[in-house]
PDB file of N, CA and C in Angstrom:
ATOM      1  N   MET A   1      56.366 120.545  10.876  1.00  0.00           N
ATOM      2  CA  MET A   1      56.454 119.427   9.963  1.00  0.00           C
ATOM      3  C   MET A   1      57.684 118.587  10.264  1.00  0.00           C
ATOM      4  N   THR A   2      57.540 117.298  10.169  1.00  0.00           N
ATOM      5  CA  THR A   2      58.683 116.424  10.442  1.00  0.00           C
ATOM      6  C   THR A   2      59.555 116.291   9.206  1.00  0.00           C
ATOM      7  N   ALA A   3      60.756 115.797   9.411  1.00  0.00           N
ATOM      8  CA  ALA A   3      61.679 115.586   8.287  1.00  0.00           C
ATOM      9  C   ALA A   3      61.105 114.597   7.291  1.00  0.00           C
ATOM     10  N   THR A   4      60.355 113.628   7.772  1.00  0.00           N
ATOM     11  CA  THR A   4      59.762 112.625   6.880  1.00  0.00           C
ATOM     12  C   THR A   4      58.787 113.274   5.915  1.00  0.00           C
ATOM     13  N   LYS A   5      57.955 114.168   6.407  1.00  0.00           N
ATOM     14  CA  LYS A   5      56.995 114.840   5.539  1.00  0.00           C
ATOM     15  C   LYS A   5      57.702 115.750   4.544  1.00  0.00           C
ATOM     16  N   ASN A   6      58.825 116.332   4.931  1.00  0.00           N
ATOM     17  CA  ASN A   6      59.575 117.196   4.035  1.00  0.00           C
ATOM     18  C   ASN A   6      60.297 116.393   2.955  1.00  0.00           C
ATOM     19  N   LYS A   7      60.546 115.143   3.190  1.00  0.00           N
ATOM     20  CA  LYS A   7      61.328 114.317   2.266  1.00  0.00           C
ATOM     21  C   LYS A   7      60.471 113.239   1.600  1.00  0.00           C
ATOM     22  N   TRP A   8      59.203 113.521   1.357  1.00  0.00           N
ATOM     23  CA  TRP A   8      58.330 112.517   0.771  1.00  0.00           C
ATOM     24  C   TRP A   8      58.819 112.064  -0.598  1.00  0.00           C
ATOM     25  N   SER A   9      59.469 112.970  -1.362  1.00  0.00           N
ATOM     26  CA  SER A   9      59.934 112.594  -2.691  1.00  0.00           C
ATOM     27  C   SER A   9      61.074 111.573  -2.612  1.00  0.00           C
ATOM     28  N   ALA A  10      61.908 111.685  -1.588  1.00  0.00           N
ATOM     29  CA  ALA A  10      62.971 110.690  -1.403  1.00  0.00           C
ATOM     30  C   ALA A  10      62.358 109.335  -1.100  1.00  0.00           C
ATOM     31  N   GLU A  11      61.296 109.335  -0.319  1.00  0.00           N
ATOM     32  CA  GLU A  11      60.600 108.087   0.005  1.00  0.00           C
ATOM     33  C   GLU A  11      60.024 107.448  -1.265  1.00  0.00           C
ATOM     34  N   VAL A  12      59.446 108.261  -2.140  1.00  0.00           N
ATOM     35  CA  VAL A  12      58.896 107.743  -3.398  1.00  0.00           C
ATOM     36  C   VAL A  12      60.006 107.149  -4.254  1.00  0.00           C
ATOM     37  N   THR A  13      61.114 107.876  -4.372  1.00  0.00           N
ATOM     38  CA  THR A  13      62.225 107.394  -5.188  1.00  0.00           C
ATOM     39  C   THR A  13      62.779 106.074  -4.656  1.00  0.00           C
ATOM     40  N   GLU A  14      62.887 105.962  -3.346  1.00  0.00           N
ATOM     41  CA  GLU A  14      63.474 104.768  -2.740  1.00  0.00           C
ATOM     42  C   GLU A  14      62.501 103.597  -2.657  1.00  0.00           C
ATOM     43  N   HIS A  15      61.210 103.890  -2.530  1.00  0.00           N
ATOM     44  CA  HIS A  15      60.236 102.824  -2.287  1.00  0.00           C
ATOM     45  C   HIS A  15      59.042 102.927  -3.224  1.00  0.00           C
ATOM     46  N   SER A  16      59.301 103.171  -4.481  1.00  0.00           N
ATOM     47  CA  SER A  16      58.231 103.310  -5.461  1.00  0.00           C
ATOM     48  C   SER A  16      57.381 102.047  -5.535  1.00  0.00           C
ATOM     49  N   ASP A  17      56.073 102.236  -5.662  1.00  0.00           N
ATOM     50  CA  ASP A  17      55.185 101.093  -5.860  1.00  0.00           C
ATOM     51  C   ASP A  17      55.267 100.562  -7.283  1.00  0.00           C
ATOM     52  N   ALA A  18      55.800 101.351  -8.182  1.00  0.00           N
ATOM     53  CA  ALA A  18      55.831 100.952  -9.586  1.00  0.00           C
ATOM     54  C   ALA A  18      57.137 100.280  -9.988  1.00  0.00           C
ATOM     55  N   LEU A  19      58.248 100.737  -9.453  1.00  0.00           N
ATOM     56  CA  LEU A  19      59.554 100.223  -9.863  1.00  0.00           C
ATOM     57  C   LEU A  19      60.429  99.931  -8.654  1.00  0.00           C
ATOM     58  N   ASP A  20      61.160  98.841  -8.720  1.00  0.00           N
ATOM     59  CA  ASP A  20      62.191  98.548  -7.728  1.00  0.00           C
ATOM     60  C   ASP A  20      63.498  99.061  -8.308  1.00  0.00           C
ATOM     61  N   LEU A  21      63.917 100.240  -7.865  1.00  0.00           N
ATOM     62  CA  LEU A  21      65.118 100.865  -8.412  1.00  0.00           C
ATOM     63  C   LEU A  21      66.365 100.304  -7.758  1.00  0.00           C
ATOM     64  N   GLU A  22      67.433 100.229  -8.529  1.00  0.00           N
ATOM     65  CA  GLU A  22      68.728  99.853  -7.979  1.00  0.00           C
ATOM     66  C   GLU A  22      69.188 100.982  -7.061  1.00  0.00           C
ATOM     67  N   ASP A  23      69.910 100.634  -6.026  1.00  0.00           N
ATOM     68  CA  ASP A  23      70.422 101.640  -5.098  1.00  0.00           C
ATOM     69  C   ASP A  23      71.294 102.651  -5.831  1.00  0.00           C
ATOM     70  N   HIS A  24      71.089 103.902  -5.537  1.00  0.00           N
ATOM     71  CA  HIS A  24      71.907 105.010  -6.038  1.00  0.00           C
ATOM     72  C   HIS A  24      71.916 105.129  -7.563  1.00  0.00           C
ATOM     73  N   VAL A  25      70.875 104.659  -8.212  1.00  0.00           N
ATOM     74  CA  VAL A  25      70.838 104.666  -9.677  1.00  0.00           C
ATOM     75  C   VAL A  25      71.011 106.076 -10.241  1.00  0.00           C
ATOM     76  N   PHE A  26      70.449 107.073  -9.591  1.00  0.00           N
ATOM     77  CA  PHE A  26      70.506 108.432 -10.130  1.00  0.00           C
ATOM     78  C   PHE A  26      71.818 109.138  -9.799  1.00  0.00           C
ATOM     79  N   GLU A  27      72.714 108.481  -9.080  1.00  0.00           N
ATOM     80  CA  GLU A  27      73.997 109.082  -8.724  1.00  0.00           C
ATOM     81  C   GLU A  27      75.098 108.763  -9.729  1.00  0.00           C
ATOM     82  N   SER A  28      74.825 107.886 -10.676  1.00  0.00           N
ATOM     83  CA  SER A  28      75.827 107.516 -11.672  1.00  0.00           C
ATOM     84  C   SER A  28      76.168 108.708 -12.564  1.00  0.00           C
ATOM     85  N   ASP A  29      77.406 108.756 -13.034  1.00  0.00           N
ATOM     86  CA  ASP A  29      77.828 109.787 -13.977  1.00  0.00           C
ATOM     87  C   ASP A  29      77.680 109.309 -15.421  1.00  0.00           C
ATOM     88  N   ASP A  30      77.121 108.125 -15.609  1.00  0.00           N
ATOM     89  CA  ASP A  30      76.976 107.522 -16.927  1.00  0.00           C
ATOM     90  C   ASP A  30      75.493 107.438 -17.293  1.00  0.00           C
ATOM     91  N   ALA A  31      75.079 108.267 -18.258  1.00  0.00           N
ATOM     92  CA  ALA A  31      73.675 108.319 -18.667  1.00  0.00           C
ATOM     93  C   ALA A  31      73.183 106.965 -19.173  1.00  0.00           C
ATOM     94  N   LYS A  32      74.058 106.218 -19.863  1.00  0.00           N
ATOM     95  CA  LYS A  32      73.669 104.896 -20.374  1.00  0.00           C
ATOM     96  C   LYS A  32      73.380 103.924 -19.238  1.00  0.00           C
ATOM     97  N   LYS A  33      74.182 103.991 -18.184  1.00  0.00           N
ATOM     98  CA  LYS A  33      73.967 103.101 -17.044  1.00  0.00           C
ATOM     99  C   LYS A  33      72.656 103.429 -16.336  1.00  0.00           C
ATOM    100  N   ILE A  34      72.356 104.708 -16.208  1.00  0.00           N
ATOM    101  CA  ILE A  34      71.095 105.120 -15.588  1.00  0.00           C
ATOM    102  C   ILE A  34      69.925 104.592 -16.415  1.00  0.00           C
ATOM    103  N   ALA A  35      70.000 104.799 -17.730  1.00  0.00           N
ATOM    104  CA  ALA A  35      68.925 104.352 -18.618  1.00  0.00           C
ATOM    105  C   ALA A  35      68.769 102.833 -18.587  1.00  0.00           C
ATOM    106  N   ALA A  36      69.872 102.122 -18.609  1.00  0.00           N
ATOM    107  CA  ALA A  36      69.814 100.651 -18.587  1.00  0.00           C
ATOM    108  C   ALA A  36      69.203 100.148 -17.290  1.00  0.00           C
ATOM    109  N   SER A  37      69.558 100.778 -16.188  1.00  0.00           N
ATOM    110  CA  SER A  37      69.014 100.387 -14.894  1.00  0.00           C
ATOM    111  C   SER A  37      67.509 100.641 -14.828  1.00  0.00           C
ATOM    112  N   LEU A  38      67.087 101.813 -15.290  1.00  0.00           N
ATOM    113  CA  LEU A  38      65.664 102.126 -15.301  1.00  0.00           C
ATOM    114  C   LEU A  38      64.893 101.176 -16.208  1.00  0.00           C
ATOM    115  N   LYS A  39      65.482 100.847 -17.347  1.00  0.00           N
ATOM    116  CA  LYS A  39      64.834  99.913 -18.276  1.00  0.00           C
ATOM    117  C   LYS A  39      64.660  98.542 -17.618  1.00  0.00           C
ATOM    118  N   ARG A  40      65.729  98.051 -16.997  1.00  0.00           N
ATOM    119  CA  ARG A  40      65.639  96.756 -16.302  1.00  0.00           C
ATOM    120  C   ARG A  40      64.552  96.774 -15.234  1.00  0.00           C
ATOM    121  N   SER A  41      64.554  97.831 -14.436  1.00  0.00           N
ATOM    122  CA  SER A  41      63.562  97.942 -13.360  1.00  0.00           C
ATOM    123  C   SER A  41      62.143  97.966 -13.907  1.00  0.00           C
ATOM    124  N   ALA A  42      61.929  98.729 -14.969  1.00  0.00           N
ATOM    125  CA  ALA A  42      60.586  98.853 -15.543  1.00  0.00           C
ATOM    126  C   ALA A  42      60.130  97.545 -16.179  1.00  0.00           C
ATOM    127  N   GLU A  43      61.036  96.864 -16.851  1.00  0.00           N
ATOM    128  CA  GLU A  43      60.653  95.615 -17.525  1.00  0.00           C
ATOM    129  C   GLU A  43      60.399  94.475 -16.538  1.00  0.00           C
ATOM    130  N   HIS A  44      61.038  94.523 -15.390  1.00  0.00           N
ATOM    131  CA  HIS A  44      60.872  93.446 -14.413  1.00  0.00           C
ATOM    132  C   HIS A  44      59.772  93.700 -13.390  1.00  0.00           C
ATOM    133  N   SER A  45      59.234  94.921 -13.394  1.00  0.00           N
ATOM    134  CA  SER A  45      58.206  95.263 -12.417  1.00  0.00           C
ATOM    135  C   SER A  45      56.867  94.630 -12.790  1.00  0.00           C
ATOM    136  N   HIS A  46      56.216  94.050 -11.802  1.00  0.00           N
ATOM    137  CA  HIS A  46      54.876  93.505 -12.005  1.00  0.00           C
ATOM    138  C   HIS A  46      53.822  94.423 -11.400  1.00  0.00           C
ATOM    139  N   ARG A  47      54.265  95.536 -10.814  1.00  0.00           N
ATOM    140  CA  ARG A  47      53.336  96.446 -10.141  1.00  0.00           C
ATOM    141  C   ARG A  47      53.066  97.715 -10.931  1.00  0.00           C
ATOM    142  N   ARG A  48      53.838  97.961 -11.968  1.00  0.00           N
ATOM    143  CA  ARG A  48      53.658  99.212 -12.708  1.00  0.00           C
ATOM    144  C   ARG A  48      52.297  99.223 -13.390  1.00  0.00           C
ATOM    145  N   LYS A  49      51.779 100.424 -13.583  1.00  0.00           N
ATOM    146  CA  LYS A  49      50.460 100.569 -14.192  1.00  0.00           C
ATOM    147  C   LYS A  49      50.546 100.975 -15.656  1.00  0.00           C
ATOM    148  N   ALA A  50      51.706 101.417 -16.092  1.00  0.00           N
ATOM    149  CA  ALA A  50      51.903 101.865 -17.472  1.00  0.00           C
ATOM    150  C   ALA A  50      52.886 100.925 -18.171  1.00  0.00           C
ATOM    151  N   GLU A  51      53.133 101.212 -19.434  1.00  0.00           N
ATOM    152  CA  GLU A  51      54.128 100.456 -20.190  1.00  0.00           C
ATOM    153  C   GLU A  51      55.523 100.725 -19.602  1.00  0.00           C
ATOM    154  N   PRO A  52      56.460  99.799 -19.809  1.00  0.00           N
ATOM    155  CA  PRO A  52      57.800  99.977 -19.222  1.00  0.00           C
ATOM    156  C   PRO A  52      58.464 101.311 -19.566  1.00  0.00           C
ATOM    157  N   PHE A  53      58.401 101.722 -20.832  1.00  0.00           N
ATOM    158  CA  PHE A  53      59.042 102.981 -21.222  1.00  0.00           C
ATOM    159  C   PHE A  53      58.458 104.148 -20.437  1.00  0.00           C
ATOM    160  N   GLN A  54      57.139 104.219 -20.374  1.00  0.00           N
ATOM    161  CA  GLN A  54      56.490 105.323 -19.682  1.00  0.00           C
ATOM    162  C   GLN A  54      56.820 105.317 -18.190  1.00  0.00           C
ATOM    163  N   SER A  55      56.841 104.161 -17.587  1.00  0.00           N
ATOM    164  CA  SER A  55      57.171 104.070 -16.159  1.00  0.00           C
ATOM    165  C   SER A  55      58.597 104.516 -15.888  1.00  0.00           C
ATOM    166  N   ALA A  56      59.535 104.065 -16.720  1.00  0.00           N
ATOM    167  CA  ALA A  56      60.941 104.433 -16.536  1.00  0.00           C
ATOM    168  C   ALA A  56      61.146 105.932 -16.742  1.00  0.00           C
ATOM    169  N   MET A  57      60.550 106.483 -17.807  1.00  0.00           N
ATOM    170  CA  MET A  57      60.698 107.911 -18.092  1.00  0.00           C
ATOM    171  C   MET A  57      60.031 108.745 -17.007  1.00  0.00           C
ATOM    172  N   SER A  58      58.907 108.296 -16.514  1.00  0.00           N
ATOM    173  CA  SER A  58      58.217 109.025 -15.446  1.00  0.00           C
ATOM    174  C   SER A  58      59.067 109.094 -14.181  1.00  0.00           C
ATOM    175  N   MET A  59      59.712 107.992 -13.836  1.00  0.00           N
ATOM    176  CA  MET A  59      60.551 107.988 -12.638  1.00  0.00           C
ATOM    177  C   MET A  59      61.750 108.921 -12.817  1.00  0.00           C
ATOM    178  N   LEU A  60      62.343 108.920 -14.004  1.00  0.00           N
ATOM    179  CA  LEU A  60      63.474 109.809 -14.278  1.00  0.00           C
ATOM    180  C   LEU A  60      63.030 111.274 -14.202  1.00  0.00           C
ATOM    181  N   ASN A  61      61.918 111.593 -14.828  1.00  0.00           N
ATOM    182  CA  ASN A  61      61.403 112.965 -14.779  1.00  0.00           C
ATOM    183  C   ASN A  61      61.037 113.369 -13.359  1.00  0.00           C
ATOM    184  N   PHE A  62      60.444 112.462 -12.612  1.00  0.00           N
ATOM    185  CA  PHE A  62      60.097 112.735 -11.223  1.00  0.00           C
ATOM    186  C   PHE A  62      61.350 113.124 -10.440  1.00  0.00           C
ATOM    187  N   TYR A  63      62.405 112.343 -10.602  1.00  0.00           N
ATOM    188  CA  TYR A  63      63.640 112.622  -9.871  1.00  0.00           C
ATOM    189  C   TYR A  63      64.204 113.991 -10.267  1.00  0.00           C
ATOM    190  N   ILE A  64      64.253 114.274 -11.552  1.00  0.00           N
ATOM    191  CA  ILE A  64      64.789 115.555 -12.027  1.00  0.00           C
ATOM    192  C   ILE A  64      63.949 116.710 -11.491  1.00  0.00           C
ATOM    193  N   ASN A  65      62.641 116.596 -11.582  1.00  0.00           N
ATOM    194  CA  ASN A  65      61.760 117.671 -11.143  1.00  0.00           C
ATOM    195  C   ASN A  65      61.821 117.893  -9.639  1.00  0.00           C
ATOM    196  N   ARG A  66      61.907 116.828  -8.864  1.00  0.00           N
ATOM    197  CA  ARG A  66      61.935 116.977  -7.413  1.00  0.00           C
ATOM    198  C   ARG A  66      63.279 117.523  -6.940  1.00  0.00           C
ATOM    199  N   ALA A  67      64.357 117.220  -7.645  1.00  0.00           N
ATOM    200  CA  ALA A  67      65.668 117.748  -7.253  1.00  0.00           C
ATOM    201  C   ALA A  67      65.723 119.253  -7.508  1.00  0.00           C
ATOM    202  N   GLY A  68      65.064 119.689  -8.561  1.00  0.00           N
ATOM    203  CA  GLY A  68      64.887 121.108  -8.858  1.00  0.00           C
ATOM    204  C   GLY A  68      66.146 121.935  -8.845  1.00  0.00           C
ATOM    205  N   LYS A  69      66.076 123.047  -8.136  1.00  0.00           N
ATOM    206  CA  LYS A  69      67.170 124.017  -8.099  1.00  0.00           C
ATOM    207  C   LYS A  69      68.408 123.479  -7.397  1.00  0.00           C
ATOM    208  N   ASN A  70      68.263 122.432  -6.604  1.00  0.00           N
ATOM    209  CA  ASN A  70      69.400 121.866  -5.885  1.00  0.00           C
ATOM    210  C   ASN A  70      70.282 120.987  -6.760  1.00  0.00           C
ATOM    211  N   LEU A  71      69.871 120.754  -7.985  1.00  0.00           N
ATOM    212  CA  LEU A  71      70.596 119.873  -8.888  1.00  0.00           C
ATOM    213  C   LEU A  71      71.687 120.666  -9.618  1.00  0.00           C
ATOM    214  N   PRO A  72      72.962 120.324  -9.416  1.00  0.00           N
ATOM    215  CA  PRO A  72      74.033 121.022 -10.145  1.00  0.00           C
ATOM    216  C   PRO A  72      73.893 120.811 -11.655  1.00  0.00           C
ATOM    217  N   ALA A  73      74.374 121.751 -12.422  1.00  0.00           N
ATOM    218  CA  ALA A  73      74.233 121.710 -13.882  1.00  0.00           C
ATOM    219  C   ALA A  73      74.818 120.425 -14.480  1.00  0.00           C
ATOM    220  N   ALA A  74      75.959 120.002 -13.989  1.00  0.00           N
ATOM    221  CA  ALA A  74      76.587 118.785 -14.524  1.00  0.00           C
ATOM    222  C   ALA A  74      75.728 117.546 -14.250  1.00  0.00           C
ATOM    223  N   ARG A  75      75.140 117.476 -13.067  1.00  0.00           N
ATOM    224  CA  ARG A  75      74.275 116.346 -12.701  1.00  0.00           C
ATOM    225  C   ARG A  75      73.012 116.367 -13.548  1.00  0.00           C
ATOM    226  N   LYS A  76      72.439 117.566 -13.732  1.00  0.00           N
ATOM    227  CA  LYS A  76      71.229 117.685 -14.542  1.00  0.00           C
ATOM    228  C   LYS A  76      71.505 117.265 -15.982  1.00  0.00           C
ATOM    229  N   LYS A  77      72.674 117.617 -16.512  1.00  0.00           N
ATOM    230  CA  LYS A  77      73.037 117.231 -17.881  1.00  0.00           C
ATOM    231  C   LYS A  77      73.074 115.715 -18.013  1.00  0.00           C
ATOM    232  N   VAL A  78      73.693 115.028 -17.058  1.00  0.00           N
ATOM    233  CA  VAL A  78      73.756 113.566 -17.091  1.00  0.00           C
ATOM    234  C   VAL A  78      72.340 112.980 -17.088  1.00  0.00           C
ATOM    235  N   LEU A  79      71.473 113.510 -16.232  1.00  0.00           N
ATOM    236  CA  LEU A  79      70.110 112.986 -16.133  1.00  0.00           C
ATOM    237  C   LEU A  79      69.295 113.299 -17.387  1.00  0.00           C
ATOM    238  N   GLU A  80      69.489 114.490 -17.950  1.00  0.00           N
ATOM    239  CA  GLU A  80      68.799 114.820 -19.214  1.00  0.00           C
ATOM    240  C   GLU A  80      69.309 113.927 -20.347  1.00  0.00           C
ATOM    241  N   ASP A  81      70.613 113.656 -20.358  1.00  0.00           N
ATOM    242  CA  ASP A  81      71.173 112.738 -21.358  1.00  0.00           C
ATOM    243  C   ASP A  81      70.603 111.331 -21.187  1.00  0.00           C
ATOM    244  N   ALA A  82      70.317 110.963 -19.944  1.00  0.00           N
ATOM    245  CA  ALA A  82      69.737 109.641 -19.671  1.00  0.00           C
ATOM    246  C   ALA A  82      68.363 109.497 -20.323  1.00  0.00           C
ATOM    247  N   LYS A  83      67.647 110.597 -20.480  1.00  0.00           N
ATOM    248  CA  LYS A  83      66.351 110.546 -21.170  1.00  0.00           C
ATOM    249  C   LYS A  83      66.543 110.066 -22.610  1.00  0.00           C
ATOM    250  N   GLY A  84      67.524 110.642 -23.276  1.00  0.00           N
ATOM    251  CA  GLY A  84      67.812 110.230 -24.655  1.00  0.00           C
ATOM    252  C   GLY A  84      68.259 108.784 -24.727  1.00  0.00           C
ATOM    253  N   GLU A  85      69.094 108.383 -23.770  1.00  0.00           N
ATOM    254  CA  GLU A  85      69.560 106.993 -23.733  1.00  0.00           C
ATOM    255  C   GLU A  85      68.408 106.040 -23.446  1.00  0.00           C
ATOM    256  N   LEU A  86      67.465 106.473 -22.632  1.00  0.00           N
ATOM    257  CA  LEU A  86      66.296 105.649 -22.332  1.00  0.00           C
ATOM    258  C   LEU A  86      65.438 105.477 -23.582  1.00  0.00           C
ATOM    259  N   ARG A  87      65.260 106.558 -24.331  1.00  0.00           N
ATOM    260  CA  ARG A  87      64.512 106.462 -25.596  1.00  0.00           C
ATOM    261  C   ARG A  87      65.194 105.472 -26.534  1.00  0.00           C
ATOM    262  N   THR A  88      66.502 105.560 -26.641  1.00  0.00           N
ATOM    263  CA  THR A  88      67.257 104.649 -27.498  1.00  0.00           C
ATOM    264  C   THR A  88      67.118 103.209 -27.023  1.00  0.00           C
ATOM    265  N   ALA A  89      67.223 102.995 -25.723  1.00  0.00           N
ATOM    266  CA  ALA A  89      67.139 101.649 -25.157  1.00  0.00           C
ATOM    267  C   ALA A  89      65.787 101.001 -25.448  1.00  0.00           C
ATOM    268  N   PHE A  90      64.748 101.811 -25.533  1.00  0.00           N
ATOM    269  CA  PHE A  90      63.419 101.283 -25.819  1.00  0.00           C
ATOM    270  C   PHE A  90      63.060 101.363 -27.299  1.00  0.00           C
ATOM    271  N   GLY A  91      64.040 101.742 -28.147  1.00  0.00           N
ATOM    272  CA  GLY A  91      63.797 101.794 -29.588  1.00  0.00           C
ATOM    273  C   GLY A  91      62.958 102.977 -30.021  1.00  0.00           C
ATOM    274  N   ARG A  92      63.007 104.033 -29.257  1.00  0.00           N
ATOM    275  CA  ARG A  92      62.264 105.256 -29.596  1.00  0.00           C
ATOM    276  C   ARG A  92      63.250 106.281 -30.130  1.00  0.00           C
ATOM    277  N   GLU A  93      62.738 107.259 -30.843  1.00  0.00           N
ATOM    278  CA  GLU A  93      63.608 108.306 -31.386  1.00  0.00           C
ATOM    279  C   GLU A  93      64.041 109.244 -30.270  1.00  0.00           C
ATOM    280  N   LYS A  94      65.297 109.670 -30.358  1.00  0.00           N
ATOM    281  CA  LYS A  94      65.819 110.648 -29.396  1.00  0.00           C
ATOM    282  C   LYS A  94      65.298 112.032 -29.758  1.00  0.00           C
ATOM    283  N   ASP A  95      65.088 112.871 -28.744  1.00  0.00           N
ATOM    284  CA  ASP A  95      64.811 114.290 -28.966  1.00  0.00           C
ATOM    285  C   ASP A  95      66.149 114.985 -29.013  1.00  0.00           C
ATOM    286  N   ASP A  96      66.361 115.801 -30.007  1.00  0.00           N
ATOM    287  CA  ASP A  96      67.643 116.515 -30.102  1.00  0.00           C
ATOM    288  C   ASP A  96      67.558 117.899 -29.583  1.00  0.00           C
TER     289      ASP A  96
END
C-alpha cells in the first residue's frame, strides 16, 4: 500500500468536498477559534449536503475519530471542547 492510501483521512480533511477548511484549523489550542472557523467554513460552503451545523460537527467528529489513539489527551480535550463551542455558535444547547 502506498502512503497516499494510508493517509486517505488526511486527504479528506485537507480537500473536503463539503467544506473549505482554513489551514491548520484543528491545530489551534483555542476551542472557540476552532468552532468559529468550522462555522465560517460551513456557512460559506455551497457544496455541503447537510445544514451548516451538521456539516461542521461532522468534520470535527471525523477529525477526532480518525486521529484516534494518536491524539494526546490535551489535544483531544481542546477538540471535544470545540464541540460545545460549535453548539453555542449555532445557538444549540451544549452537552455537559
